[in-house]
């Protein structure tokens, strides 16, 4: 990111810095898993089969009424 800033002369936005940091983190995790003998393609295949949970409507809890005078 610093090299890009020096080449272009434009300061990177905070979003660009975060995106690049996440990409580096993902690459590092993939490399770690690969070195640990974990089959990444199997993980990607399994995750691809996941189905998102159905969205539920939230309910408002009813609280008991207090008696006045006690």
PDB file of N, CA and C in Angstrom:
ATOM      1  N   UNK A   1       0.842  -1.184   0.000  1.00  0.00           N
ATOM      2  CA  UNK A   1       0.000   0.000   0.000  1.00  0.00           C
ATOM      3  C   UNK A   1       0.887   1.247   0.000  1.00  0.00           C
ATOM      4  N   UNK A   2       1.946   1.209   0.785  1.00  0.00           N
ATOM      5  CA  UNK A   2       2.859   2.347   0.852  1.00  0.00           C
ATOM      6  C   UNK A   2       3.547   2.567  -0.490  1.00  0.00           C
ATOM      7  N   UNK A   3       3.914   1.479  -1.155  1.00  0.00           N
ATOM      8  CA  UNK A   3       4.538   1.596  -2.478  1.00  0.00           C
ATOM      9  C   UNK A   3       3.580   2.233  -3.477  1.00  0.00           C
ATOM     10  N   UNK A   4       2.306   1.819  -3.429  1.00  0.00           N
ATOM     11  CA  UNK A   4       1.310   2.393  -4.336  1.00  0.00           C
ATOM     12  C   UNK A   4       1.150   3.890  -4.075  1.00  0.00           C
ATOM     13  N   UNK A   5       1.174   4.266  -2.788  1.00  0.00           N
ATOM     14  CA  UNK A   5       1.046   5.673  -2.410  1.00  0.00           C
ATOM     15  C   UNK A   5       2.217   6.471  -2.981  1.00  0.00           C
ATOM     16  N   UNK A   6       3.420   5.906  -2.884  1.00  0.00           N
ATOM     17  CA  UNK A   6       4.598   6.596  -3.406  1.00  0.00           C
ATOM     18  C   UNK A   6       4.560   6.723  -4.923  1.00  0.00           C
ATOM     19  N   UNK A   7       4.099   5.676  -5.612  1.00  0.00           N
ATOM     20  CA  UNK A   7       4.047   5.699  -7.082  1.00  0.00           C
ATOM     21  C   UNK A   7       3.000   6.675  -7.600  1.00  0.00           C
ATOM     22  N   UNK A   8       1.804   6.620  -7.044  1.00  0.00           N
ATOM     23  CA  UNK A   8       0.702   7.435  -7.553  1.00  0.00           C
ATOM     24  C   UNK A   8       0.666   8.820  -6.938  1.00  0.00           C
ATOM     25  N   UNK A   9       1.196   8.962  -5.742  1.00  0.00           N
ATOM     26  CA  UNK A   9       1.146  10.248  -5.058  1.00  0.00           C
ATOM     27  C   UNK A   9      -0.193  10.504  -4.401  1.00  0.00           C
ATOM     28  N   UNK A  10      -1.122   9.537  -4.514  1.00  0.00           N
ATOM     29  CA  UNK A  10      -2.448   9.701  -3.919  1.00  0.00           C
ATOM     30  C   UNK A  10      -2.534   8.848  -2.661  1.00  0.00           C
ATOM     31  N   UNK A  11      -2.968   9.453  -1.583  1.00  0.00           N
ATOM     32  CA  UNK A  11      -3.104   8.730  -0.325  1.00  0.00           C
ATOM     33  C   UNK A  11      -4.274   7.745  -0.437  1.00  0.00           C
ATOM     34  N   UNK A  12      -4.052   6.482  -0.082  1.00  0.00           N
ATOM     35  CA  UNK A  12      -5.140   5.502  -0.183  1.00  0.00           C
ATOM     36  C   UNK A  12      -6.230   5.772   0.844  1.00  0.00           C
ATOM     37  N   UNK A  13      -7.453   5.425   0.473  1.00  0.00           N
ATOM     38  CA  UNK A  13      -8.556   5.614   1.416  1.00  0.00           C
ATOM     39  C   UNK A  13      -8.501   4.514   2.470  1.00  0.00           C
ATOM     40  N   UNK A  14      -9.212   4.721   3.546  1.00  0.00           N
ATOM     41  CA  UNK A  14      -9.228   3.756   4.635  1.00  0.00           C
ATOM     42  C   UNK A  14      -9.817   2.429   4.150  1.00  0.00           C
ATOM     43  N   UNK A  15     -10.817   2.492   3.267  1.00  0.00           N
ATOM     44  CA  UNK A  15     -11.427   1.273   2.737  1.00  0.00           C
ATOM     45  C   UNK A  15     -10.413   0.467   1.931  1.00  0.00           C
ATOM     46  N   UNK A  16      -9.600   1.142   1.126  1.00  0.00           N
ATOM     47  CA  UNK A  16      -8.588   0.453   0.338  1.00  0.00           C
ATOM     48  C   UNK A  16      -7.584  -0.248   1.242  1.00  0.00           C
ATOM     49  N   UNK A  17      -7.209   0.410   2.315  1.00  0.00           N
ATOM     50  CA  UNK A  17      -6.250  -0.172   3.261  1.00  0.00           C
ATOM     51  C   UNK A  17      -6.856  -1.409   3.914  1.00  0.00           C
ATOM     52  N   UNK A  18      -8.121  -1.335   4.328  1.00  0.00           N
ATOM     53  CA  UNK A  18      -8.781  -2.474   4.958  1.00  0.00           C
ATOM     54  C   UNK A  18      -8.929  -3.647   4.001  1.00  0.00           C
ATOM     55  N   UNK A  19      -9.310  -3.361   2.766  1.00  0.00           N
ATOM     56  CA  UNK A  19      -9.470  -4.418   1.766  1.00  0.00           C
ATOM     57  C   UNK A  19      -8.145  -5.117   1.515  1.00  0.00           C
ATOM     58  N   UNK A  20      -7.094  -4.353   1.364  1.00  0.00           N
ATOM     59  CA  UNK A  20      -5.787  -4.948   1.127  1.00  0.00           C
ATOM     60  C   UNK A  20      -5.316  -5.750   2.338  1.00  0.00           C
ATOM     61  N   UNK A  21      -5.579  -5.262   3.532  1.00  0.00           N
ATOM     62  CA  UNK A  21      -5.194  -5.985   4.741  1.00  0.00           C
ATOM     63  C   UNK A  21      -5.955  -7.308   4.839  1.00  0.00           C
ATOM     64  N   UNK A  22      -7.236  -7.289   4.488  1.00  0.00           N
ATOM     65  CA  UNK A  22      -8.027  -8.521   4.512  1.00  0.00           C
ATOM     66  C   UNK A  22      -7.518  -9.521   3.478  1.00  0.00           C
ATOM     67  N   UNK A  23      -7.138  -9.036   2.308  1.00  0.00           N
ATOM     68  CA  UNK A  23      -6.602  -9.922   1.277  1.00  0.00           C
ATOM     69  C   UNK A  23      -5.313 -10.580   1.746  1.00  0.00           C
ATOM     70  N   UNK A  24      -4.451  -9.831   2.411  1.00  0.00           N
ATOM     71  CA  UNK A  24      -3.205 -10.386   2.941  1.00  0.00           C
ATOM     72  C   UNK A  24      -3.517 -11.427   4.016  1.00  0.00           C
ATOM     73  N   UNK A  25      -4.493 -11.140   4.875  1.00  0.00           N
ATOM     74  CA  UNK A  25      -4.885 -12.076   5.925  1.00  0.00           C
ATOM     75  C   UNK A  25      -5.424 -13.370   5.325  1.00  0.00           C
ATOM     76  N   UNK A  26      -6.280 -13.263   4.334  1.00  0.00           N
ATOM     77  CA  UNK A  26      -6.847 -14.447   3.684  1.00  0.00           C
ATOM     78  C   UNK A  26      -5.751 -15.286   3.044  1.00  0.00           C
ATOM     79  N   UNK A  27      -4.821 -14.642   2.357  1.00  0.00           N
ATOM     80  CA  UNK A  27      -3.718 -15.372   1.730  1.00  0.00           C
ATOM     81  C   UNK A  27      -2.871 -16.076   2.782  1.00  0.00           C
ATOM     82  N   UNK A  28      -2.631 -15.408   3.911  1.00  0.00           N
ATOM     83  CA  UNK A  28      -1.833 -16.009   4.978  1.00  0.00           C
ATOM     84  C   UNK A  28      -2.552 -17.214   5.579  1.00  0.00           C
ATOM     85  N   UNK A  29      -3.860 -17.110   5.774  1.00  0.00           N
ATOM     86  CA  UNK A  29      -4.630 -18.233   6.312  1.00  0.00           C
ATOM     87  C   UNK A  29      -4.638 -19.413   5.351  1.00  0.00           C
ATOM     88  N   UNK A  30      -4.798 -19.131   4.065  1.00  0.00           N
ATOM     89  CA  UNK A  30      -4.775 -20.194   3.067  1.00  0.00           C
ATOM     90  C   UNK A  30      -3.420 -20.892   3.044  1.00  0.00           C
ATOM     91  N   UNK A  31      -2.361 -20.125   3.133  1.00  0.00           N
ATOM     92  CA  UNK A  31      -1.012 -20.694   3.143  1.00  0.00           C
ATOM     93  C   UNK A  31      -0.802 -21.547   4.396  1.00  0.00           C
ATOM     94  N   UNK A  32      -1.286 -21.057   5.542  1.00  0.00           N
ATOM     95  CA  UNK A  32      -1.167 -21.809   6.798  1.00  0.00           C
ATOM     96  C   UNK A  32      -1.916 -23.137   6.700  1.00  0.00           C
ATOM     97  N   UNK A  33      -3.156 -23.089   6.185  1.00  0.00           N
ATOM     98  CA  UNK A  33      -3.940 -24.316   6.057  1.00  0.00           C
ATOM     99  C   UNK A  33      -3.270 -25.297   5.102  1.00  0.00           C
ATOM    100  N   UNK A  34      -2.740 -24.767   4.009  1.00  0.00           N
ATOM    101  CA  UNK A  34      -2.062 -25.622   3.025  1.00  0.00           C
ATOM    102  C   UNK A  34      -0.834 -26.287   3.646  1.00  0.00           C
ATOM    103  N   UNK A  35      -0.059 -25.526   4.411  1.00  0.00           N
ATOM    104  CA  UNK A  35       1.129 -26.071   5.076  1.00  0.00           C
ATOM    105  C   UNK A  35       0.765 -27.064   6.173  1.00  0.00           C
ATOM    106  N   UNK A  36      -0.434 -26.926   6.725  1.00  0.00           N
ATOM    107  CA  UNK A  36      -0.894 -27.836   7.778  1.00  0.00           C
ATOM    108  C   UNK A  36      -1.500 -29.107   7.204  1.00  0.00           C
ATOM    109  N   UNK A  37      -1.606 -29.183   5.882  1.00  0.00           N
ATOM    110  CA  UNK A  37      -2.137 -30.378   5.238  1.00  0.00           C
ATOM    111  C   UNK A  37      -3.647 -30.385   5.091  1.00  0.00           C
ATOM    112  N   UNK A  38      -4.283 -29.235   5.244  1.00  0.00           N
ATOM    113  CA  UNK A  38      -5.734 -29.147   5.111  1.00  0.00           C
ATOM    114  C   UNK A  38      -6.072 -28.953   3.630  1.00  0.00           C
ATOM    115  N   UNK A  39      -7.080 -29.679   3.149  1.00  0.00           N
ATOM    116  CA  UNK A  39      -7.504 -29.590   1.763  1.00  0.00           C
ATOM    117  C   UNK A  39      -8.459 -28.401   1.600  1.00  0.00           C
ATOM    118  N   UNK A  40      -7.961 -27.312   1.064  1.00  0.00           N
ATOM    119  CA  UNK A  40      -8.750 -26.080   0.932  1.00  0.00           C
ATOM    120  C   UNK A  40      -9.908 -26.261  -0.043  1.00  0.00           C
ATOM    121  N   UNK A  41      -9.695 -27.021  -1.112  1.00  0.00           N
ATOM    122  CA  UNK A  41     -10.767 -27.210  -2.096  1.00  0.00           C
ATOM    123  C   UNK A  41     -11.958 -27.929  -1.470  1.00  0.00           C
ATOM    124  N   UNK A  42     -11.696 -28.850  -0.535  1.00  0.00           N
ATOM    125  CA  UNK A  42     -12.785 -29.543   0.149  1.00  0.00           C
ATOM    126  C   UNK A  42     -13.573 -28.566   1.023  1.00  0.00           C
ATOM    127  N   UNK A  43     -12.879 -27.652   1.685  1.00  0.00           N
ATOM    128  CA  UNK A  43     -13.549 -26.636   2.509  1.00  0.00           C
ATOM    129  C   UNK A  43     -14.418 -25.755   1.623  1.00  0.00           C
ATOM    130  N   UNK A  44     -13.879 -25.295   0.498  1.00  0.00           N
ATOM    131  CA  UNK A  44     -14.642 -24.436  -0.413  1.00  0.00           C
ATOM    132  C   UNK A  44     -15.869 -25.158  -0.952  1.00  0.00           C
ATOM    133  N   UNK A  45     -15.730 -26.463  -1.241  1.00  0.00           N
ATOM    134  CA  UNK A  45     -16.858 -27.249  -1.741  1.00  0.00           C
ATOM    135  C   UNK A  45     -17.946 -27.371  -0.684  1.00  0.00           C
ATOM    136  N   UNK A  46     -17.530 -27.652   0.561  1.00  0.00           N
ATOM    137  CA  UNK A  46     -18.509 -27.786   1.647  1.00  0.00           C
ATOM    138  C   UNK A  46     -19.214 -26.470   1.938  1.00  0.00           C
ATOM    139  N   UNK A  47     -18.475 -25.384   1.960  1.00  0.00           N
ATOM    140  CA  UNK A  47     -19.057 -24.070   2.245  1.00  0.00           C
ATOM    141  C   UNK A  47     -20.027 -23.672   1.128  1.00  0.00           C
ATOM    142  N   UNK A  48     -19.725 -24.057  -0.092  1.00  0.00           N
ATOM    143  CA  UNK A  48     -20.598 -23.745  -1.223  1.00  0.00           C
ATOM    144  C   UNK A  48     -21.968 -24.383  -1.104  1.00  0.00           C
ATOM    145  N   UNK A  49     -22.067 -25.464  -0.330  1.00  0.00           N
ATOM    146  CA  UNK A  49     -23.343 -26.157  -0.153  1.00  0.00           C
ATOM    147  C   UNK A  49     -24.181 -25.581   0.986  1.00  0.00           C
ATOM    148  N   UNK A  50     -23.596 -24.684   1.784  1.00  0.00           N
ATOM    149  CA  UNK A  50     -24.330 -24.104   2.901  1.00  0.00           C
ATOM    150  C   UNK A  50     -25.508 -23.303   2.390  1.00  0.00           C
ATOM    151  N   UNK A  51     -26.579 -23.356   3.133  1.00  0.00           N
ATOM    152  CA  UNK A  51     -27.768 -22.572   2.791  1.00  0.00           C
ATOM    153  C   UNK A  51     -27.976 -21.536   3.891  1.00  0.00           C
ATOM    154  N   UNK A  52     -28.262 -20.300   3.508  1.00  0.00           N
ATOM    155  CA  UNK A  52     -28.482 -19.268   4.540  1.00  0.00           C
ATOM    156  C   UNK A  52     -29.750 -19.555   5.344  1.00  0.00           C
ATOM    157  N   UNK A  53     -29.720 -19.144   6.603  1.00  0.00           N
ATOM    158  CA  UNK A  53     -30.899 -19.310   7.447  1.00  0.00           C
ATOM    159  C   UNK A  53     -32.021 -18.421   6.930  1.00  0.00           C
ATOM    160  N   UNK A  54     -33.224 -18.914   7.101  1.00  0.00           N
ATOM    161  CA  UNK A  54     -34.373 -18.099   6.714  1.00  0.00           C
ATOM    162  C   UNK A  54     -34.485 -16.935   7.690  1.00  0.00           C
ATOM    163  N   UNK A  55     -34.800 -15.794   7.140  1.00  0.00           N
ATOM    164  CA  UNK A  55     -34.942 -14.624   8.004  1.00  0.00           C
ATOM    165  C   UNK A  55     -36.236 -14.737   8.794  1.00  0.00           C
ATOM    166  N   UNK A  56     -36.117 -14.465  10.067  1.00  0.00           N
ATOM    167  CA  UNK A  56     -37.289 -14.513  10.935  1.00  0.00           C
ATOM    168  C   UNK A  56     -37.664 -13.094  11.344  1.00  0.00           C
ATOM    169  N   UNK A  57     -38.944 -12.885  11.523  1.00  0.00           N
ATOM    170  CA  UNK A  57     -39.366 -11.572  12.002  1.00  0.00           C
ATOM    171  C   UNK A  57     -39.186 -11.549  13.512  1.00  0.00           C
ATOM    172  N   UNK A  58     -38.737 -10.443  14.012  1.00  0.00           N
ATOM    173  CA  UNK A  58     -38.519 -10.328  15.447  1.00  0.00           C
ATOM    174  C   UNK A  58     -39.846 -10.092  16.161  1.00  0.00           C
ATOM    175  N   UNK A  59     -39.900 -10.577  17.374  1.00  0.00           N
ATOM    176  CA  UNK A  59     -41.105 -10.407  18.182  1.00  0.00           C
ATOM    177  C   UNK A  59     -40.785  -9.475  19.335  1.00  0.00           C
ATOM    178  N   UNK A  60     -41.761  -8.707  19.710  1.00  0.00           N
ATOM    179  CA  UNK A  60     -41.599  -7.796  20.836  1.00  0.00           C
ATOM    180  C   UNK A  60     -42.073  -8.525  22.089  1.00  0.00           C
ATOM    181  N   UNK A  61     -41.198  -8.590  23.074  1.00  0.00           N
ATOM    182  CA  UNK A  61     -41.535  -9.285  24.319  1.00  0.00           C
ATOM    183  C   UNK A  61     -42.547  -8.478  25.115  1.00  0.00           C
ATOM    184  N   UNK A  62     -43.520  -9.167  25.668  1.00  0.00           N
ATOM    185  CA  UNK A  62     -44.507  -8.507  26.512  1.00  0.00           C
ATOM    186  C   UNK A  62     -44.088  -8.689  27.957  1.00  0.00           C
ATOM    187  N   UNK A  63     -43.992  -7.591  28.663  1.00  0.00           N
ATOM    188  CA  UNK A  63     -43.611  -7.624  30.064  1.00  0.00           C
ATOM    189  C   UNK A  63     -44.870  -7.540  30.914  1.00  0.00           C
ATOM    190  N   UNK A  64     -44.878  -8.245  32.065  1.00  0.00           N
ATOM    191  CA  UNK A  64     -46.076  -8.185  32.920  1.00  0.00           C
ATOM    192  C   UNK A  64     -46.270  -6.782  33.480  1.00  0.00           C
ATOM    193  N   UNK A  65     -47.540  -6.401  33.607  1.00  0.00           N
ATOM    194  CA  UNK A  65     -47.845  -5.077  34.138  1.00  0.00           C
ATOM    195  C   UNK A  65     -47.652  -5.073  35.648  1.00  0.00           C
ATOM    196  N   UNK A  66     -47.158  -3.973  36.179  1.00  0.00           N
ATOM    197  CA  UNK A  66     -46.981  -3.839  37.619  1.00  0.00           C
ATOM    198  C   UNK A  66     -48.287  -3.370  38.247  1.00  0.00           C
ATOM    199  N   UNK A  67     -48.513  -3.881  39.416  1.00  0.00           N
ATOM    200  CA  UNK A  67     -49.688  -3.403  40.145  1.00  0.00           C
ATOM    201  C   UNK A  67     -49.331  -2.090  40.802  1.00  0.00           C
ATOM    202  N   UNK A  68     -50.208  -1.169  40.761  1.00  0.00           N
ATOM    203  CA  UNK A  68     -49.966   0.104  41.415  1.00  0.00           C
ATOM    204  C   UNK A  68     -50.337  -0.010  42.890  1.00  0.00           C
ATOM    205  N   UNK A  69     -49.559   0.617  43.718  1.00  0.00           N
ATOM    206  CA  UNK A  69     -49.844   0.611  45.149  1.00  0.00           C
ATOM    207  C   UNK A  69     -49.010  -0.396  45.910  1.00  0.00           C
ATOM    208  N   UNK A  70     -48.311  -1.277  45.231  1.00  0.00           N
ATOM    209  CA  UNK A  70     -47.464  -2.265  45.945  1.00  0.00           C
ATOM    210  C   UNK A  70     -46.032  -1.909  45.821  1.00  0.00           C
TER     211      UNK A  70
END
